[in-house]
N, C-alpha and C. Protein backbone atom coordinates (compact mmCIF):
# COMPACT_ATOMS: atom_id res chain seq x y z
N UNK A 1 0.86 -1.17 0.00
CA UNK A 1 0.00 0.00 0.00
C UNK A 1 0.90 1.24 0.00
N UNK A 2 0.65 2.14 -0.93
CA UNK A 2 1.47 3.35 -1.04
C UNK A 2 1.07 4.38 0.01
N UNK A 3 1.93 5.38 0.16
CA UNK A 3 1.63 6.47 1.10
C UNK A 3 0.33 7.16 0.74
N UNK A 4 0.11 7.35 -0.55
CA UNK A 4 -1.12 8.00 -1.00
C UNK A 4 -2.36 7.20 -0.63
N UNK A 5 -2.28 5.89 -0.82
CA UNK A 5 -3.42 5.03 -0.48
C UNK A 5 -3.68 5.03 1.02
N UNK A 6 -2.63 5.07 1.79
CA UNK A 6 -2.77 5.12 3.25
C UNK A 6 -3.47 6.41 3.66
N UNK A 7 -3.03 7.54 3.08
CA UNK A 7 -3.66 8.82 3.40
C UNK A 7 -5.13 8.84 2.99
N UNK A 8 -5.43 8.27 1.82
CA UNK A 8 -6.82 8.24 1.37
C UNK A 8 -7.69 7.41 2.31
N UNK A 9 -7.18 6.27 2.73
CA UNK A 9 -7.92 5.41 3.65
C UNK A 9 -8.12 6.08 5.00
N UNK A 10 -7.06 6.70 5.49
CA UNK A 10 -7.14 7.41 6.76
C UNK A 10 -8.16 8.55 6.66
N UNK A 11 -8.14 9.25 5.54
CA UNK A 11 -9.07 10.35 5.33
C UNK A 11 -10.51 9.89 5.31
N UNK A 12 -10.76 8.76 4.64
CA UNK A 12 -12.13 8.22 4.59
C UNK A 12 -12.62 7.88 6.01
N UNK A 13 -11.72 7.32 6.81
CA UNK A 13 -12.08 6.98 8.18
C UNK A 13 -12.41 8.21 9.01
N UNK A 14 -11.60 9.24 8.86
CA UNK A 14 -11.85 10.47 9.60
C UNK A 14 -13.16 11.11 9.17
N UNK A 15 -13.40 11.11 7.86
CA UNK A 15 -14.66 11.68 7.37
C UNK A 15 -15.86 10.93 7.93
N UNK A 16 -15.79 9.61 7.91
CA UNK A 16 -16.90 8.81 8.42
C UNK A 16 -17.11 9.04 9.90
N UNK A 17 -16.03 9.06 10.66
CA UNK A 17 -16.14 9.28 12.10
C UNK A 17 -16.67 10.69 12.39
N UNK A 18 -16.18 11.66 11.65
CA UNK A 18 -16.68 13.02 11.82
C UNK A 18 -18.16 13.13 11.50
N UNK A 19 -18.59 12.39 10.48
CA UNK A 19 -20.00 12.39 10.11
C UNK A 19 -20.85 11.76 11.21
N UNK A 20 -20.36 10.66 11.75
CA UNK A 20 -21.10 9.97 12.82
C UNK A 20 -21.22 10.81 14.09
N UNK A 21 -20.14 11.53 14.40
CA UNK A 21 -20.11 12.29 15.64
C UNK A 21 -20.55 13.74 15.47
N UNK A 22 -20.74 14.16 14.22
CA UNK A 22 -21.11 15.55 13.97
C UNK A 22 -19.94 16.51 14.09
N UNK A 23 -18.73 15.99 14.02
CA UNK A 23 -17.52 16.80 14.16
C UNK A 23 -17.07 17.29 12.78
N UNK A 24 -17.45 18.51 12.43
CA UNK A 24 -17.12 19.07 11.11
C UNK A 24 -15.62 19.22 10.90
N UNK A 25 -14.89 19.55 11.96
CA UNK A 25 -13.44 19.72 11.85
C UNK A 25 -12.78 18.39 11.46
N UNK A 26 -13.23 17.31 12.05
CA UNK A 26 -12.68 15.99 11.74
C UNK A 26 -13.03 15.60 10.30
N UNK A 27 -14.24 15.91 9.87
CA UNK A 27 -14.63 15.63 8.49
C UNK A 27 -13.75 16.40 7.52
N UNK A 28 -13.49 17.67 7.82
CA UNK A 28 -12.64 18.49 6.95
C UNK A 28 -11.21 17.95 6.93
N UNK A 29 -10.73 17.51 8.08
CA UNK A 29 -9.39 16.93 8.16
C UNK A 29 -9.31 15.67 7.28
N UNK A 30 -10.36 14.89 7.29
CA UNK A 30 -10.43 13.71 6.45
C UNK A 30 -10.38 14.05 4.98
N UNK A 31 -11.08 15.10 4.59
CA UNK A 31 -11.07 15.54 3.19
C UNK A 31 -9.67 15.98 2.77
N UNK A 32 -8.97 16.66 3.66
CA UNK A 32 -7.61 17.09 3.37
C UNK A 32 -6.70 15.87 3.21
N UNK A 33 -6.84 14.90 4.09
CA UNK A 33 -6.03 13.67 4.00
C UNK A 33 -6.29 12.95 2.68
N UNK A 34 -7.55 12.85 2.28
CA UNK A 34 -7.88 12.19 1.02
C UNK A 34 -7.26 12.92 -0.16
N UNK A 35 -7.36 14.24 -0.16
CA UNK A 35 -6.78 15.03 -1.26
C UNK A 35 -5.27 14.86 -1.29
N UNK A 36 -4.65 14.86 -0.13
CA UNK A 36 -3.21 14.67 -0.04
C UNK A 36 -2.81 13.32 -0.61
N UNK A 37 -3.58 12.29 -0.30
CA UNK A 37 -3.30 10.96 -0.81
C UNK A 37 -3.41 10.89 -2.32
N UNK A 38 -4.42 11.55 -2.86
CA UNK A 38 -4.61 11.57 -4.31
C UNK A 38 -3.42 12.26 -4.98
N UNK A 39 -2.99 13.36 -4.42
CA UNK A 39 -1.86 14.09 -5.00
C UNK A 39 -0.59 13.25 -4.93
N UNK A 40 -0.36 12.61 -3.79
CA UNK A 40 0.84 11.76 -3.66
C UNK A 40 0.84 10.66 -4.71
N UNK A 41 -0.31 10.04 -4.95
CA UNK A 41 -0.39 8.98 -5.95
C UNK A 41 -0.10 9.51 -7.35
N UNK A 42 -0.64 10.68 -7.68
CA UNK A 42 -0.43 11.25 -9.01
C UNK A 42 1.03 11.65 -9.21
N UNK A 43 1.63 12.26 -8.22
CA UNK A 43 3.03 12.66 -8.32
C UNK A 43 3.92 11.42 -8.45
N UNK A 44 3.60 10.40 -7.67
CA UNK A 44 4.36 9.16 -7.75
C UNK A 44 4.25 8.52 -9.12
N UNK A 45 3.06 8.57 -9.71
CA UNK A 45 2.85 8.01 -11.05
C UNK A 45 3.65 8.75 -12.10
N UNK A 46 3.69 10.06 -12.01
CA UNK A 46 4.46 10.88 -12.95
C UNK A 46 5.95 10.58 -12.79
N UNK A 47 6.40 10.46 -11.56
CA UNK A 47 7.82 10.16 -11.31
C UNK A 47 8.18 8.79 -11.88
N UNK A 48 7.31 7.81 -11.72
CA UNK A 48 7.57 6.48 -12.26
C UNK A 48 7.67 6.52 -13.78
N UNK A 49 6.77 7.26 -14.44
CA UNK A 49 6.81 7.37 -15.90
C UNK A 49 8.09 8.05 -16.36
N UNK A 50 8.52 9.08 -15.63
CA UNK A 50 9.75 9.77 -16.00
C UNK A 50 10.94 8.84 -15.87
N UNK A 51 10.97 8.04 -14.83
CA UNK A 51 12.08 7.08 -14.64
C UNK A 51 12.10 6.08 -15.77
N UNK A 52 10.92 5.59 -16.18
CA UNK A 52 10.84 4.61 -17.27
C UNK A 52 11.36 5.22 -18.56
N UNK A 53 11.01 6.46 -18.83
CA UNK A 53 11.46 7.12 -20.05
C UNK A 53 12.96 7.31 -20.05
N UNK A 54 13.51 7.64 -18.91
CA UNK A 54 14.95 7.84 -18.82
C UNK A 54 15.71 6.53 -19.00
N UNK A 55 15.14 5.45 -18.55
CA UNK A 55 15.79 4.14 -18.67
C UNK A 55 15.79 3.63 -20.10
N UNK A 56 14.83 4.07 -20.91
CA UNK A 56 14.75 3.62 -22.30
C UNK A 56 15.88 4.18 -23.15
N UNK A 57 16.40 5.32 -22.77
CA UNK A 57 17.47 5.97 -23.57
C UNK A 57 18.80 5.35 -23.37
């Protein structure tokens, strides 16, 4: 499991818990964690593609 996937999972948990408890701050924190995870995954994917291109030369 990548760092991005971990952050997304953690964010989903925080959002769900915040929803259950009515804690808007926790829900917002979960949304931030999910967004962070998505960005980490995308950046990692771009880096992997760049490495592959460099290895082909």
